[in-house]
Amino acid sequence: NRKMTCPKFSRLFFEKTSARMYDMYKLDLIHHLFAQREQLAFYIDMNAQNGICSQQKMNSICERLRISRRNFYYLLDGLIKDGYLERVEGGDIIITKLPELRKLARPVRDYYVST
């Protein structure tokens, strides 16, 4: 391929693919090292805007977390029962106890940020 012979292109290509592979590896380790409850808390915290996490793309959330929809709802209901979250019509999730949710997600966040 002629593009790969260009030093600028090949360096950029390898930097981008290496970074992407590393992120994929890091996410894979997160799935093996931390409880699903902690992973869901981290996901909700990272994807919330103004304390609200939109739950419109359920399949993508489940794929990202590598859990079934049934298990997702089980984990979500547990966080709601514990008072971390509240569900509103339309599927959105409101974070009611942000400091506590962040404390639950801290191990995942610390690993994700530090590596």
N, C-alpha and C. Protein backbone atom coordinates (compact mmCIF):
# COMPACT_ATOMS: atom_id res chain seq x y z
N ASN A 1 0.84 -1.18 0.00
CA ASN A 1 0.00 0.00 0.00
C ASN A 1 0.89 1.24 0.00
N ARG A 2 0.59 2.17 -0.87
CA ARG A 2 1.42 3.36 -1.01
C ARG A 2 1.33 4.29 0.20
N LYS A 3 0.21 4.32 0.85
CA LYS A 3 0.07 5.20 2.01
C LYS A 3 0.99 4.80 3.16
N MET A 4 1.20 3.52 3.32
CA MET A 4 2.04 3.05 4.43
C MET A 4 3.51 3.40 4.23
N THR A 5 3.89 3.72 3.01
CA THR A 5 5.28 4.12 2.78
C THR A 5 5.52 5.58 3.17
N CYS A 6 4.46 6.34 3.36
CA CYS A 6 4.58 7.73 3.79
C CYS A 6 4.83 7.74 5.30
N PRO A 7 5.94 8.27 5.78
CA PRO A 7 6.27 8.24 7.21
C PRO A 7 5.23 8.93 8.10
N LYS A 8 4.70 10.06 7.66
CA LYS A 8 3.70 10.77 8.48
C LYS A 8 2.44 9.93 8.65
N PHE A 9 1.97 9.38 7.54
CA PHE A 9 0.76 8.58 7.60
C PHE A 9 0.96 7.33 8.45
N SER A 10 2.04 6.62 8.22
CA SER A 10 2.25 5.37 8.95
C SER A 10 2.42 5.62 10.45
N ARG A 11 3.09 6.71 10.83
CA ARG A 11 3.24 7.03 12.25
C ARG A 11 1.88 7.34 12.87
N LEU A 12 1.07 8.17 12.20
CA LEU A 12 -0.26 8.49 12.70
C LEU A 12 -1.13 7.24 12.79
N PHE A 13 -1.07 6.42 11.76
CA PHE A 13 -1.85 5.18 11.74
C PHE A 13 -1.49 4.28 12.92
N PHE A 14 -0.21 4.07 13.15
CA PHE A 14 0.21 3.19 14.24
C PHE A 14 -0.07 3.80 15.61
N GLU A 15 0.03 5.11 15.75
CA GLU A 15 -0.32 5.75 17.02
C GLU A 15 -1.80 5.56 17.33
N LYS A 16 -2.64 5.80 16.34
CA LYS A 16 -4.09 5.67 16.54
C LYS A 16 -4.49 4.24 16.82
N THR A 17 -3.96 3.29 16.06
CA THR A 17 -4.34 1.90 16.28
C THR A 17 -3.78 1.38 17.60
N SER A 18 -2.59 1.81 17.98
CA SER A 18 -2.04 1.38 19.26
C SER A 18 -2.87 1.91 20.42
N ALA A 19 -3.26 3.17 20.34
CA ALA A 19 -4.09 3.75 21.40
C ALA A 19 -5.44 3.05 21.48
N ARG A 20 -6.01 2.76 20.33
CA ARG A 20 -7.31 2.08 20.31
C ARG A 20 -7.22 0.67 20.87
N MET A 21 -6.18 -0.04 20.50
CA MET A 21 -5.98 -1.40 21.03
C MET A 21 -5.78 -1.37 22.55
N TYR A 22 -5.04 -0.39 23.01
CA TYR A 22 -4.81 -0.27 24.45
C TYR A 22 -6.12 0.01 25.17
N ASP A 23 -6.95 0.89 24.64
CA ASP A 23 -8.25 1.16 25.25
C ASP A 23 -9.12 -0.09 25.27
N MET A 24 -9.11 -0.86 24.20
CA MET A 24 -9.88 -2.10 24.16
C MET A 24 -9.37 -3.09 25.20
N TYR A 25 -8.07 -3.20 25.34
CA TYR A 25 -7.47 -4.10 26.33
C TYR A 25 -7.84 -3.65 27.74
N LYS A 26 -7.78 -2.35 27.98
CA LYS A 26 -8.12 -1.81 29.29
C LYS A 26 -9.58 -2.10 29.64
N LEU A 27 -10.49 -1.90 28.69
CA LEU A 27 -11.90 -2.19 28.93
C LEU A 27 -12.12 -3.68 29.18
N ASP A 28 -11.38 -4.52 28.47
CA ASP A 28 -11.50 -5.96 28.69
C ASP A 28 -11.06 -6.33 30.10
N LEU A 29 -9.97 -5.74 30.57
CA LEU A 29 -9.53 -6.01 31.94
C LEU A 29 -10.54 -5.52 32.97
N ILE A 30 -11.17 -4.39 32.71
CA ILE A 30 -12.19 -3.88 33.63
C ILE A 30 -13.31 -4.90 33.79
N HIS A 31 -13.71 -5.53 32.69
CA HIS A 31 -14.78 -6.53 32.76
C HIS A 31 -14.40 -7.73 33.60
N HIS A 32 -13.11 -8.02 33.68
CA HIS A 32 -12.66 -9.18 34.45
C HIS A 32 -12.27 -8.84 35.89
N LEU A 33 -11.93 -7.59 36.15
CA LEU A 33 -11.42 -7.22 37.47
C LEU A 33 -12.47 -6.67 38.43
N PHE A 34 -13.55 -6.11 37.90
CA PHE A 34 -14.49 -5.40 38.76
C PHE A 34 -15.89 -5.98 38.64
N ALA A 35 -16.66 -5.80 39.71
CA ALA A 35 -18.04 -6.28 39.74
C ALA A 35 -18.89 -5.51 38.73
N GLN A 36 -19.91 -6.16 38.23
CA GLN A 36 -20.78 -5.52 37.25
C GLN A 36 -21.50 -4.31 37.82
N ARG A 37 -21.79 -4.36 39.08
CA ARG A 37 -22.44 -3.22 39.75
C ARG A 37 -21.52 -1.99 39.71
N GLU A 38 -20.25 -2.20 39.99
CA GLU A 38 -19.27 -1.10 39.93
C GLU A 38 -19.12 -0.59 38.50
N GLN A 39 -19.11 -1.50 37.54
CA GLN A 39 -18.98 -1.10 36.14
C GLN A 39 -20.18 -0.28 35.69
N LEU A 40 -21.39 -0.69 36.09
CA LEU A 40 -22.59 0.07 35.73
C LEU A 40 -22.58 1.45 36.38
N ALA A 41 -22.17 1.52 37.63
CA ALA A 41 -22.09 2.82 38.31
C ALA A 41 -21.10 3.73 37.59
N PHE A 42 -19.97 3.19 37.17
CA PHE A 42 -18.98 3.96 36.42
C PHE A 42 -19.55 4.42 35.09
N TYR A 43 -20.23 3.54 34.38
CA TYR A 43 -20.82 3.89 33.09
C TYR A 43 -21.84 5.01 33.23
N ILE A 44 -22.71 4.89 34.22
CA ILE A 44 -23.74 5.91 34.42
C ILE A 44 -23.10 7.24 34.78
N ASP A 45 -22.13 7.21 35.67
CA ASP A 45 -21.45 8.44 36.07
C ASP A 45 -20.73 9.10 34.88
N MET A 46 -20.06 8.30 34.08
CA MET A 46 -19.31 8.85 32.96
C MET A 46 -20.20 9.37 31.83
N ASN A 47 -21.39 8.82 31.70
CA ASN A 47 -22.27 9.19 30.60
C ASN A 47 -23.41 10.12 31.00
N ALA A 48 -23.42 10.54 32.25
CA ALA A 48 -24.47 11.45 32.71
C ALA A 48 -24.12 12.88 32.33
N GLN A 49 -25.15 13.63 32.00
CA GLN A 49 -25.01 15.05 31.75
C GLN A 49 -25.98 15.78 32.66
N ASN A 50 -25.44 16.63 33.52
CA ASN A 50 -26.24 17.35 34.50
C ASN A 50 -27.03 16.40 35.40
N GLY A 51 -26.42 15.29 35.76
CA GLY A 51 -27.04 14.34 36.68
C GLY A 51 -28.07 13.43 36.04
N ILE A 52 -28.17 13.45 34.71
CA ILE A 52 -29.15 12.62 34.00
C ILE A 52 -28.41 11.77 32.97
N CYS A 53 -28.67 10.47 33.02
CA CYS A 53 -28.10 9.54 32.05
C CYS A 53 -29.22 9.03 31.16
N SER A 54 -29.10 9.30 29.88
CA SER A 54 -30.11 8.86 28.92
C SER A 54 -29.95 7.37 28.68
N GLN A 55 -31.05 6.68 28.68
CA GLN A 55 -31.04 5.22 28.55
C GLN A 55 -31.68 4.81 27.22
N GLN A 56 -31.50 5.62 26.20
CA GLN A 56 -32.17 5.39 24.93
C GLN A 56 -31.62 4.19 24.16
N LYS A 57 -30.34 3.96 24.23
CA LYS A 57 -29.73 2.88 23.44
C LYS A 57 -29.36 1.72 24.35
N MET A 58 -30.38 0.98 24.74
CA MET A 58 -30.20 -0.11 25.70
C MET A 58 -29.24 -1.18 25.18
N ASN A 59 -29.37 -1.55 23.91
CA ASN A 59 -28.51 -2.60 23.38
C ASN A 59 -27.04 -2.19 23.41
N SER A 60 -26.76 -0.92 23.12
CA SER A 60 -25.35 -0.49 23.12
C SER A 60 -24.79 -0.47 24.54
N ILE A 61 -25.62 -0.12 25.52
CA ILE A 61 -25.16 -0.15 26.91
C ILE A 61 -24.83 -1.58 27.31
N CYS A 62 -25.72 -2.49 27.00
CA CYS A 62 -25.51 -3.90 27.37
C CYS A 62 -24.30 -4.49 26.64
N GLU A 63 -24.11 -4.12 25.39
CA GLU A 63 -22.93 -4.60 24.66
C GLU A 63 -21.66 -4.03 25.26
N ARG A 64 -21.69 -2.76 25.59
CA ARG A 64 -20.50 -2.10 26.16
C ARG A 64 -20.12 -2.75 27.49
N LEU A 65 -21.12 -3.04 28.31
CA LEU A 65 -20.87 -3.64 29.62
C LEU A 65 -20.79 -5.16 29.58
N ARG A 66 -21.10 -5.74 28.43
CA ARG A 66 -21.10 -7.19 28.24
C ARG A 66 -22.03 -7.89 29.22
N ILE A 67 -23.24 -7.38 29.30
CA ILE A 67 -24.25 -7.99 30.16
C ILE A 67 -25.55 -8.12 29.38
N SER A 68 -26.40 -9.03 29.83
CA SER A 68 -27.70 -9.19 29.19
C SER A 68 -28.62 -8.05 29.64
N ARG A 69 -29.67 -7.85 28.87
CA ARG A 69 -30.65 -6.81 29.25
C ARG A 69 -31.28 -7.16 30.60
N ARG A 70 -31.53 -8.42 30.83
CA ARG A 70 -32.13 -8.86 32.09
C ARG A 70 -31.20 -8.51 33.27
N ASN A 71 -29.92 -8.80 33.11
CA ASN A 71 -28.97 -8.50 34.18
C ASN A 71 -28.81 -6.99 34.34
N PHE A 72 -28.85 -6.25 33.23
CA PHE A 72 -28.78 -4.80 33.30
C PHE A 72 -29.91 -4.25 34.17
N TYR A 73 -31.13 -4.70 33.90
CA TYR A 73 -32.28 -4.22 34.68
C TYR A 73 -32.18 -4.64 36.14
N TYR A 74 -31.66 -5.84 36.38
CA TYR A 74 -31.46 -6.30 37.75
C TYR A 74 -30.48 -5.39 38.49
N LEU A 75 -29.35 -5.07 37.85
CA LEU A 75 -28.36 -4.18 38.46
C LEU A 75 -28.92 -2.77 38.64
N LEU A 76 -29.62 -2.30 37.63
CA LEU A 76 -30.21 -0.96 37.70
C LEU A 76 -31.23 -0.87 38.82
N ASP A 77 -32.09 -1.88 38.93
CA ASP A 77 -33.08 -1.88 40.01
C ASP A 77 -32.42 -1.91 41.38
N GLY A 78 -31.30 -2.62 41.50
CA GLY A 78 -30.56 -2.63 42.76
C GLY A 78 -30.03 -1.25 43.13
N LEU A 79 -29.51 -0.53 42.14
CA LEU A 79 -29.01 0.83 42.39
C LEU A 79 -30.16 1.79 42.72
N ILE A 80 -31.32 1.54 42.12
CA ILE A 80 -32.50 2.37 42.42
C ILE A 80 -32.99 2.08 43.84
N LYS A 81 -33.06 0.81 44.21
CA LYS A 81 -33.50 0.44 45.57
C LYS A 81 -32.56 0.98 46.64
N ASP A 82 -31.27 1.06 46.32
CA ASP A 82 -30.30 1.59 47.27
C ASP A 82 -30.28 3.11 47.30
N GLY A 83 -31.09 3.73 46.44
CA GLY A 83 -31.24 5.18 46.48
C GLY A 83 -30.23 5.98 45.67
N TYR A 84 -29.37 5.30 44.91
CA TYR A 84 -28.38 6.00 44.09
C TYR A 84 -29.04 6.70 42.90
N LEU A 85 -30.07 6.04 42.36
CA LEU A 85 -30.68 6.49 41.11
C LEU A 85 -32.19 6.55 41.22
N GLU A 86 -32.77 7.24 40.25
CA GLU A 86 -34.22 7.29 40.11
C GLU A 86 -34.52 7.24 38.62
N ARG A 87 -35.55 6.48 38.27
CA ARG A 87 -35.94 6.37 36.87
C ARG A 87 -37.13 7.26 36.60
N VAL A 88 -37.12 7.93 35.46
CA VAL A 88 -38.23 8.78 35.08
C VAL A 88 -38.82 8.28 33.77
N GLU A 89 -40.01 8.76 33.46
CA GLU A 89 -40.65 8.36 32.21
C GLU A 89 -39.76 8.73 31.04
N GLY A 90 -39.76 7.90 30.04
CA GLY A 90 -38.91 8.12 28.88
C GLY A 90 -37.62 7.34 28.95
N GLY A 91 -37.35 6.71 30.10
CA GLY A 91 -36.18 5.86 30.22
C GLY A 91 -34.94 6.51 30.78
N ASP A 92 -35.00 7.81 31.06
CA ASP A 92 -33.82 8.47 31.61
C ASP A 92 -33.59 8.07 33.06
N ILE A 93 -32.33 8.18 33.48
CA ILE A 93 -31.94 7.84 34.85
C ILE A 93 -31.40 9.11 35.50
N ILE A 94 -31.95 9.45 36.65
CA ILE A 94 -31.48 10.61 37.41
C ILE A 94 -30.61 10.12 38.55
N ILE A 95 -29.44 10.68 38.67
CA ILE A 95 -28.54 10.33 39.77
C ILE A 95 -28.98 11.14 40.99
N THR A 96 -29.42 10.45 42.04
CA THR A 96 -29.91 11.13 43.23
C THR A 96 -28.83 11.26 44.31
N LYS A 97 -27.89 10.35 44.30
CA LYS A 97 -26.78 10.38 45.28
C LYS A 97 -25.46 10.29 44.53
N LEU A 98 -25.05 11.39 43.94
CA LEU A 98 -23.84 11.39 43.12
C LEU A 98 -22.58 11.02 43.90
N PRO A 99 -22.35 11.59 45.10
CA PRO A 99 -21.13 11.21 45.82
C PRO A 99 -21.06 9.72 46.14
N GLU A 100 -22.20 9.13 46.51
CA GLU A 100 -22.23 7.71 46.83
C GLU A 100 -22.02 6.85 45.57
N LEU A 101 -22.63 7.29 44.46
CA LEU A 101 -22.46 6.57 43.21
C LEU A 101 -20.99 6.61 42.77
N ARG A 102 -20.36 7.76 42.92
CA ARG A 102 -18.95 7.88 42.56
C ARG A 102 -18.06 7.05 43.48
N LYS A 103 -18.46 6.93 44.73
CA LYS A 103 -17.70 6.08 45.66
C LYS A 103 -17.79 4.62 45.22
N LEU A 104 -18.97 4.21 44.78
CA LEU A 104 -19.16 2.84 44.28
C LEU A 104 -18.34 2.61 43.01
N ALA A 105 -18.27 3.61 42.15
CA ALA A 105 -17.57 3.49 40.88
C ALA A 105 -16.07 3.79 40.99
N ARG A 106 -15.60 4.24 42.14
CA ARG A 106 -14.21 4.68 42.29
C ARG A 106 -13.17 3.64 41.87
N PRO A 107 -13.30 2.38 42.25
CA PRO A 107 -12.26 1.41 41.83
C PRO A 107 -12.12 1.32 40.32
N VAL A 108 -13.24 1.34 39.62
CA VAL A 108 -13.20 1.26 38.15
C VAL A 108 -12.60 2.55 37.59
N ARG A 109 -13.04 3.68 38.11
CA ARG A 109 -12.54 4.97 37.62
C ARG A 109 -11.04 5.10 37.88
N ASP A 110 -10.60 4.73 39.06
CA ASP A 110 -9.18 4.81 39.38
C ASP A 110 -8.35 3.97 38.44
N TYR A 111 -8.82 2.77 38.15
CA TYR A 111 -8.09 1.91 37.22
C TYR A 111 -8.12 2.49 35.81
N TYR A 112 -9.28 2.94 35.37
CA TYR A 112 -9.44 3.45 34.01
C TYR A 112 -8.57 4.70 33.79
N VAL A 113 -8.49 5.56 34.78
CA VAL A 113 -7.74 6.81 34.63
C VAL A 113 -6.24 6.58 34.82
N SER A 114 -5.86 5.68 35.70
CA SER A 114 -4.45 5.51 36.04
C SER A 114 -3.67 4.70 35.02
N THR A 115 -4.36 3.92 34.20
CA THR A 115 -3.64 3.08 33.24
C THR A 115 -3.67 3.67 31.86
